[in-house]
Amino acid sequence: MVAVKRVAVFDDDDDLLIIFRFFFEEKGWEVHTYKTSDDVIDKVRMSSPDVILMDNWIPTTGGLFATQMLKNDEELKNIPVIYISANNDIKGIAERAGADTYVAKPFDFEHLQNVVDSFF
């Protein structure tokens, strides 16, 4: 039996959350979506994702701080975090956050899939 992959998506855009849910569920993934980065540690522990997509501009702590918190947690630091943002300095912000990589918005879903697949 093949284990179901899980993704946690942190983004405050309802439309994007629907799109991410559809995209990953079509591939057989279990999807957990969150509109805030509040309690990010508890949310990630509860959903136990294989990969995390993190928006930069997410209430209330923001993606940078939320990612830093995850990467400073011994139990969660090895879960890949893909930083997703329309910010023009996404590379620099993703590096400061400690994200494993980044995808700039707007993005192509084939590119997103390739980035996610690179972790498996």
N, C-alpha and C. Protein backbone atom coordinates (compact mmCIF):
# COMPACT_ATOMS: atom_id res chain seq x y z
N MET A 1 0.84 -1.19 0.00
CA MET A 1 0.00 0.00 0.00
C MET A 1 0.88 1.25 0.00
N VAL A 2 0.55 2.19 -0.87
CA VAL A 2 1.31 3.43 -1.00
C VAL A 2 0.77 4.45 -0.01
N ALA A 3 1.67 5.06 0.73
CA ALA A 3 1.26 6.09 1.69
C ALA A 3 0.79 7.34 0.95
N VAL A 4 -0.27 7.93 1.44
CA VAL A 4 -0.80 9.16 0.86
C VAL A 4 0.10 10.32 1.28
N LYS A 5 0.49 11.13 0.30
CA LYS A 5 1.29 12.32 0.61
C LYS A 5 0.36 13.41 1.11
N ARG A 6 0.90 14.22 2.03
CA ARG A 6 0.13 15.31 2.61
C ARG A 6 0.85 16.64 2.38
N VAL A 7 0.05 17.66 2.10
CA VAL A 7 0.58 19.01 1.92
C VAL A 7 -0.20 19.95 2.83
N ALA A 8 0.52 20.89 3.45
CA ALA A 8 -0.10 21.97 4.21
C ALA A 8 0.14 23.26 3.42
N VAL A 9 -0.95 23.97 3.15
CA VAL A 9 -0.86 25.21 2.38
C VAL A 9 -1.29 26.37 3.27
N PHE A 10 -0.40 27.34 3.42
CA PHE A 10 -0.68 28.54 4.20
C PHE A 10 -0.79 29.71 3.23
N ASP A 11 -2.02 30.19 3.02
CA ASP A 11 -2.25 31.31 2.11
C ASP A 11 -3.58 31.94 2.48
N ASP A 12 -3.67 33.27 2.46
CA ASP A 12 -4.92 33.93 2.84
C ASP A 12 -5.86 34.18 1.67
N ASP A 13 -5.50 33.74 0.49
CA ASP A 13 -6.32 33.93 -0.71
C ASP A 13 -7.23 32.70 -0.90
N ASP A 14 -8.53 32.89 -0.68
CA ASP A 14 -9.49 31.78 -0.78
C ASP A 14 -9.43 31.09 -2.13
N ASP A 15 -9.34 31.88 -3.20
CA ASP A 15 -9.31 31.29 -4.54
C ASP A 15 -8.08 30.40 -4.73
N LEU A 16 -6.95 30.87 -4.25
CA LEU A 16 -5.73 30.06 -4.37
C LEU A 16 -5.83 28.79 -3.54
N LEU A 17 -6.41 28.88 -2.36
CA LEU A 17 -6.57 27.68 -1.53
C LEU A 17 -7.43 26.64 -2.24
N ILE A 18 -8.48 27.09 -2.91
CA ILE A 18 -9.33 26.16 -3.68
C ILE A 18 -8.53 25.54 -4.82
N ILE A 19 -7.75 26.36 -5.50
CA ILE A 19 -6.94 25.86 -6.62
C ILE A 19 -5.90 24.85 -6.12
N PHE A 20 -5.20 25.19 -5.03
CA PHE A 20 -4.22 24.26 -4.48
C PHE A 20 -4.88 22.96 -4.06
N ARG A 21 -6.04 23.04 -3.43
CA ARG A 21 -6.75 21.83 -2.99
C ARG A 21 -7.07 20.96 -4.20
N PHE A 22 -7.63 21.56 -5.23
CA PHE A 22 -7.98 20.81 -6.44
C PHE A 22 -6.73 20.19 -7.07
N PHE A 23 -5.68 20.99 -7.20
CA PHE A 23 -4.44 20.55 -7.84
C PHE A 23 -3.85 19.32 -7.13
N PHE A 24 -3.72 19.39 -5.82
CA PHE A 24 -3.10 18.29 -5.08
C PHE A 24 -4.04 17.10 -4.91
N GLU A 25 -5.32 17.35 -4.69
CA GLU A 25 -6.26 16.22 -4.54
C GLU A 25 -6.36 15.43 -5.83
N GLU A 26 -6.26 16.09 -6.97
CA GLU A 26 -6.27 15.39 -8.26
C GLU A 26 -5.10 14.42 -8.36
N LYS A 27 -4.04 14.69 -7.65
CA LYS A 27 -2.85 13.84 -7.66
C LYS A 27 -2.87 12.83 -6.52
N GLY A 28 -3.97 12.81 -5.76
CA GLY A 28 -4.12 11.83 -4.69
C GLY A 28 -3.57 12.27 -3.34
N TRP A 29 -3.24 13.55 -3.20
CA TRP A 29 -2.69 14.07 -1.96
C TRP A 29 -3.80 14.42 -0.97
N GLU A 30 -3.46 14.36 0.29
CA GLU A 30 -4.32 14.89 1.36
C GLU A 30 -3.90 16.34 1.54
N VAL A 31 -4.87 17.26 1.52
CA VAL A 31 -4.57 18.69 1.54
C VAL A 31 -5.12 19.34 2.81
N HIS A 32 -4.27 20.10 3.48
CA HIS A 32 -4.67 20.88 4.66
C HIS A 32 -4.39 22.34 4.32
N THR A 33 -5.44 23.18 4.39
CA THR A 33 -5.26 24.59 4.06
C THR A 33 -5.52 25.46 5.28
N TYR A 34 -4.75 26.54 5.36
CA TYR A 34 -4.83 27.46 6.49
C TYR A 34 -4.78 28.90 5.97
N LYS A 35 -5.68 29.75 6.47
CA LYS A 35 -5.74 31.14 6.04
C LYS A 35 -4.88 32.07 6.87
N THR A 36 -4.31 31.56 7.96
CA THR A 36 -3.39 32.37 8.78
C THR A 36 -2.18 31.51 9.14
N SER A 37 -1.14 32.20 9.56
CA SER A 37 0.05 31.48 10.02
C SER A 37 0.08 31.41 11.55
N ASP A 38 -1.02 31.84 12.18
CA ASP A 38 -1.13 31.72 13.63
C ASP A 38 -1.05 30.25 14.03
N ASP A 39 -0.40 29.97 15.12
CA ASP A 39 -0.26 28.60 15.62
C ASP A 39 0.32 27.64 14.57
N VAL A 40 1.27 28.14 13.79
CA VAL A 40 1.83 27.35 12.69
C VAL A 40 2.41 26.02 13.18
N ILE A 41 3.07 26.03 14.32
CA ILE A 41 3.67 24.79 14.84
C ILE A 41 2.58 23.76 15.13
N ASP A 42 1.53 24.18 15.82
CA ASP A 42 0.43 23.26 16.14
C ASP A 42 -0.25 22.75 14.88
N LYS A 43 -0.47 23.63 13.92
CA LYS A 43 -1.14 23.24 12.67
C LYS A 43 -0.31 22.22 11.91
N VAL A 44 0.99 22.42 11.85
CA VAL A 44 1.86 21.50 11.12
C VAL A 44 1.97 20.16 11.87
N ARG A 45 2.07 20.22 13.18
CA ARG A 45 2.10 18.96 13.94
C ARG A 45 0.82 18.17 13.73
N MET A 46 -0.32 18.85 13.71
CA MET A 46 -1.61 18.19 13.57
C MET A 46 -1.78 17.58 12.17
N SER A 47 -1.35 18.30 11.13
CA SER A 47 -1.55 17.81 9.76
C SER A 47 -0.43 16.89 9.29
N SER A 48 0.73 16.97 9.93
CA SER A 48 1.87 16.11 9.61
C SER A 48 2.16 16.03 8.10
N PRO A 49 2.41 17.20 7.48
CA PRO A 49 2.59 17.22 6.02
C PRO A 49 3.96 16.71 5.58
N ASP A 50 4.00 16.29 4.33
CA ASP A 50 5.26 15.90 3.69
C ASP A 50 5.95 17.12 3.08
N VAL A 51 5.17 18.15 2.80
CA VAL A 51 5.68 19.40 2.23
C VAL A 51 4.73 20.53 2.63
N ILE A 52 5.30 21.74 2.75
CA ILE A 52 4.52 22.92 3.14
C ILE A 52 4.69 24.00 2.08
N LEU A 53 3.56 24.61 1.68
CA LEU A 53 3.59 25.78 0.82
C LEU A 53 3.26 26.98 1.71
N MET A 54 4.12 27.98 1.71
CA MET A 54 3.98 29.12 2.63
C MET A 54 3.96 30.44 1.85
N ASP A 55 2.84 31.15 1.97
CA ASP A 55 2.73 32.49 1.40
C ASP A 55 3.51 33.48 2.27
N ASN A 56 3.98 34.56 1.67
CA ASN A 56 4.70 35.57 2.43
C ASN A 56 3.74 36.49 3.19
N TRP A 57 2.72 36.98 2.51
CA TRP A 57 1.81 37.96 3.09
C TRP A 57 0.60 37.25 3.67
N ILE A 58 0.77 36.56 4.78
CA ILE A 58 -0.31 35.83 5.41
C ILE A 58 -0.47 36.33 6.85
N PRO A 59 -1.70 36.60 7.27
CA PRO A 59 -1.90 37.07 8.64
C PRO A 59 -1.58 35.97 9.67
N THR A 60 -1.27 36.23 10.85
CA THR A 60 -0.90 37.56 11.30
C THR A 60 0.61 37.64 11.49
N THR A 61 1.24 36.51 11.70
CA THR A 61 2.69 36.56 11.93
C THR A 61 3.48 36.68 10.64
N GLY A 62 2.89 36.33 9.52
CA GLY A 62 3.59 36.40 8.23
C GLY A 62 4.38 35.15 7.93
N GLY A 63 4.59 34.92 6.65
CA GLY A 63 5.27 33.71 6.19
C GLY A 63 6.72 33.61 6.62
N LEU A 64 7.42 34.75 6.65
CA LEU A 64 8.84 34.72 7.02
C LEU A 64 9.00 34.20 8.45
N PHE A 65 8.28 34.79 9.39
CA PHE A 65 8.39 34.38 10.78
C PHE A 65 7.88 32.95 10.98
N ALA A 66 6.77 32.62 10.33
CA ALA A 66 6.20 31.27 10.45
C ALA A 66 7.20 30.22 9.96
N THR A 67 7.86 30.50 8.84
CA THR A 67 8.85 29.56 8.31
C THR A 67 10.04 29.45 9.25
N GLN A 68 10.50 30.57 9.80
CA GLN A 68 11.60 30.53 10.76
C GLN A 68 11.24 29.68 11.97
N MET A 69 10.00 29.81 12.43
CA MET A 69 9.56 29.01 13.58
C MET A 69 9.61 27.52 13.24
N LEU A 70 9.15 27.16 12.06
CA LEU A 70 9.16 25.75 11.65
C LEU A 70 10.59 25.23 11.55
N LYS A 71 11.46 26.01 10.96
CA LYS A 71 12.83 25.58 10.73
C LYS A 71 13.66 25.56 12.03
N ASN A 72 13.16 26.23 13.08
CA ASN A 72 13.83 26.19 14.37
C ASN A 72 13.27 25.12 15.30
N ASP A 73 12.29 24.38 14.83
CA ASP A 73 11.67 23.32 15.63
C ASP A 73 12.32 21.99 15.27
N GLU A 74 12.93 21.33 16.24
CA GLU A 74 13.67 20.08 15.98
C GLU A 74 12.81 19.01 15.31
N GLU A 75 11.55 18.94 15.68
CA GLU A 75 10.66 17.91 15.15
C GLU A 75 10.18 18.22 13.73
N LEU A 76 10.13 19.49 13.36
CA LEU A 76 9.53 19.89 12.09
C LEU A 76 10.51 20.44 11.06
N LYS A 77 11.74 20.70 11.45
CA LYS A 77 12.67 21.43 10.59
C LYS A 77 13.02 20.74 9.28
N ASN A 78 12.81 19.43 9.19
CA ASN A 78 13.17 18.72 7.97
C ASN A 78 12.03 18.63 6.96
N ILE A 79 10.87 19.17 7.31
CA ILE A 79 9.76 19.20 6.34
C ILE A 79 10.06 20.31 5.33
N PRO A 80 10.10 19.99 4.04
CA PRO A 80 10.40 21.02 3.04
C PRO A 80 9.35 22.13 3.05
N VAL A 81 9.83 23.37 3.06
CA VAL A 81 8.96 24.54 2.96
C VAL A 81 9.25 25.22 1.63
N ILE A 82 8.20 25.34 0.81
CA ILE A 82 8.29 26.04 -0.46
C ILE A 82 7.62 27.39 -0.25
N TYR A 83 8.41 28.44 -0.33
CA TYR A 83 7.91 29.80 -0.12
C TYR A 83 7.24 30.26 -1.41
N ILE A 84 6.02 30.79 -1.30
CA ILE A 84 5.28 31.23 -2.49
C ILE A 84 4.84 32.65 -2.28
N SER A 85 5.25 33.54 -3.20
CA SER A 85 4.93 34.95 -3.03
C SER A 85 5.06 35.69 -4.35
N ALA A 86 4.35 36.82 -4.43
CA ALA A 86 4.48 37.71 -5.58
C ALA A 86 5.51 38.80 -5.30
N ASN A 87 6.15 38.76 -4.15
CA ASN A 87 7.14 39.75 -3.78
C ASN A 87 8.29 39.76 -4.78
N ASN A 88 8.78 40.95 -5.13
CA ASN A 88 9.86 41.02 -6.11
C ASN A 88 11.21 40.56 -5.57
N ASP A 89 11.32 40.37 -4.25
CA ASP A 89 12.56 39.84 -3.65
C ASP A 89 12.29 38.48 -3.01
N ILE A 90 11.49 37.67 -3.67
CA ILE A 90 11.10 36.38 -3.08
C ILE A 90 12.31 35.51 -2.75
N LYS A 91 13.33 35.56 -3.60
CA LYS A 91 14.52 34.73 -3.34
C LYS A 91 15.17 35.14 -2.02
N GLY A 92 15.36 36.43 -1.81
CA GLY A 92 15.99 36.92 -0.59
C GLY A 92 15.14 36.65 0.64
N ILE A 93 13.84 36.86 0.52
CA ILE A 93 12.94 36.62 1.65
C ILE A 93 12.91 35.14 1.99
N ALA A 94 12.82 34.29 0.97
CA ALA A 94 12.81 32.84 1.21
C ALA A 94 14.09 32.40 1.92
N GLU A 95 15.22 32.98 1.52
CA GLU A 95 16.50 32.64 2.17
C GLU A 95 16.50 33.10 3.62
N ARG A 96 16.03 34.32 3.88
CA ARG A 96 15.99 34.83 5.25
C ARG A 96 15.04 34.00 6.12
N ALA A 97 13.98 33.53 5.52
CA ALA A 97 13.00 32.72 6.26
C ALA A 97 13.54 31.32 6.57
N GLY A 98 14.49 30.86 5.74
CA GLY A 98 15.01 29.50 5.91
C GLY A 98 14.24 28.48 5.09
N ALA A 99 13.43 28.96 4.13
CA ALA A 99 12.68 28.05 3.26
C ALA A 99 13.64 27.21 2.43
N ASP A 100 13.17 26.04 2.02
CA ASP A 100 14.01 25.15 1.22
C ASP A 100 14.12 25.62 -0.22
N THR A 101 13.07 26.26 -0.72
CA THR A 101 13.07 26.83 -2.07
C THR A 101 11.90 27.78 -2.16
N TYR A 102 11.67 28.32 -3.35
CA TYR A 102 10.57 29.27 -3.53
C TYR A 102 9.98 29.12 -4.93
N VAL A 103 8.75 29.61 -5.06
CA VAL A 103 8.06 29.69 -6.35
C VAL A 103 7.41 31.07 -6.39
N ALA A 104 7.70 31.83 -7.43
CA ALA A 104 7.14 33.18 -7.55
C ALA A 104 5.72 33.14 -8.11
N LYS A 105 4.85 33.96 -7.51
CA LYS A 105 3.50 34.14 -8.05
C LYS A 105 3.57 35.25 -9.10
N PRO A 106 2.81 35.16 -10.18
CA PRO A 106 2.01 34.00 -10.58
C PRO A 106 2.92 32.88 -11.03
N PHE A 107 2.46 31.66 -10.88
CA PHE A 107 3.30 30.52 -11.21
C PHE A 107 2.58 29.58 -12.17
N ASP A 108 3.36 28.76 -12.80
CA ASP A 108 2.87 27.74 -13.70
C ASP A 108 2.76 26.45 -12.89
N PHE A 109 1.64 25.75 -12.99
CA PHE A 109 1.43 24.55 -12.17
C PHE A 109 2.40 23.43 -12.51
N GLU A 110 2.86 23.36 -13.74
CA GLU A 110 3.87 22.35 -14.08
C GLU A 110 5.17 22.63 -13.33
N HIS A 111 5.54 23.90 -13.25
CA HIS A 111 6.74 24.28 -12.50
C HIS A 111 6.56 23.95 -11.01
N LEU A 112 5.40 24.30 -10.45
CA LEU A 112 5.12 23.98 -9.06
C LEU A 112 5.24 22.48 -8.82
N GLN A 113 4.66 21.69 -9.71
CA GLN A 113 4.73 20.24 -9.57
C GLN A 113 6.18 19.75 -9.59
N ASN A 114 6.98 20.30 -10.49
CA ASN A 114 8.39 19.90 -10.56
C ASN A 114 9.14 20.26 -9.28
N VAL A 115 8.84 21.42 -8.71
CA VAL A 115 9.49 21.84 -7.47
C VAL A 115 9.08 20.90 -6.34
N VAL A 116 7.78 20.61 -6.22
CA VAL A 116 7.30 19.70 -5.18
C VAL A 116 7.92 18.32 -5.37
N ASP A 117 7.93 17.82 -6.59
CA ASP A 117 8.47 16.48 -6.87
C ASP A 117 9.95 16.38 -6.55
N SER A 118 10.66 17.50 -6.58
CA SER A 118 12.11 17.46 -6.33
C SER A 118 12.43 17.02 -4.89
N PHE A 119 11.43 17.04 -4.02
CA PHE A 119 11.65 16.65 -2.63
C PHE A 119 11.34 15.17 -2.37
N PHE A 120 10.92 14.44 -3.43
CA PHE A 120 10.54 13.03 -3.24
C PHE A 120 11.29 12.12 -4.20
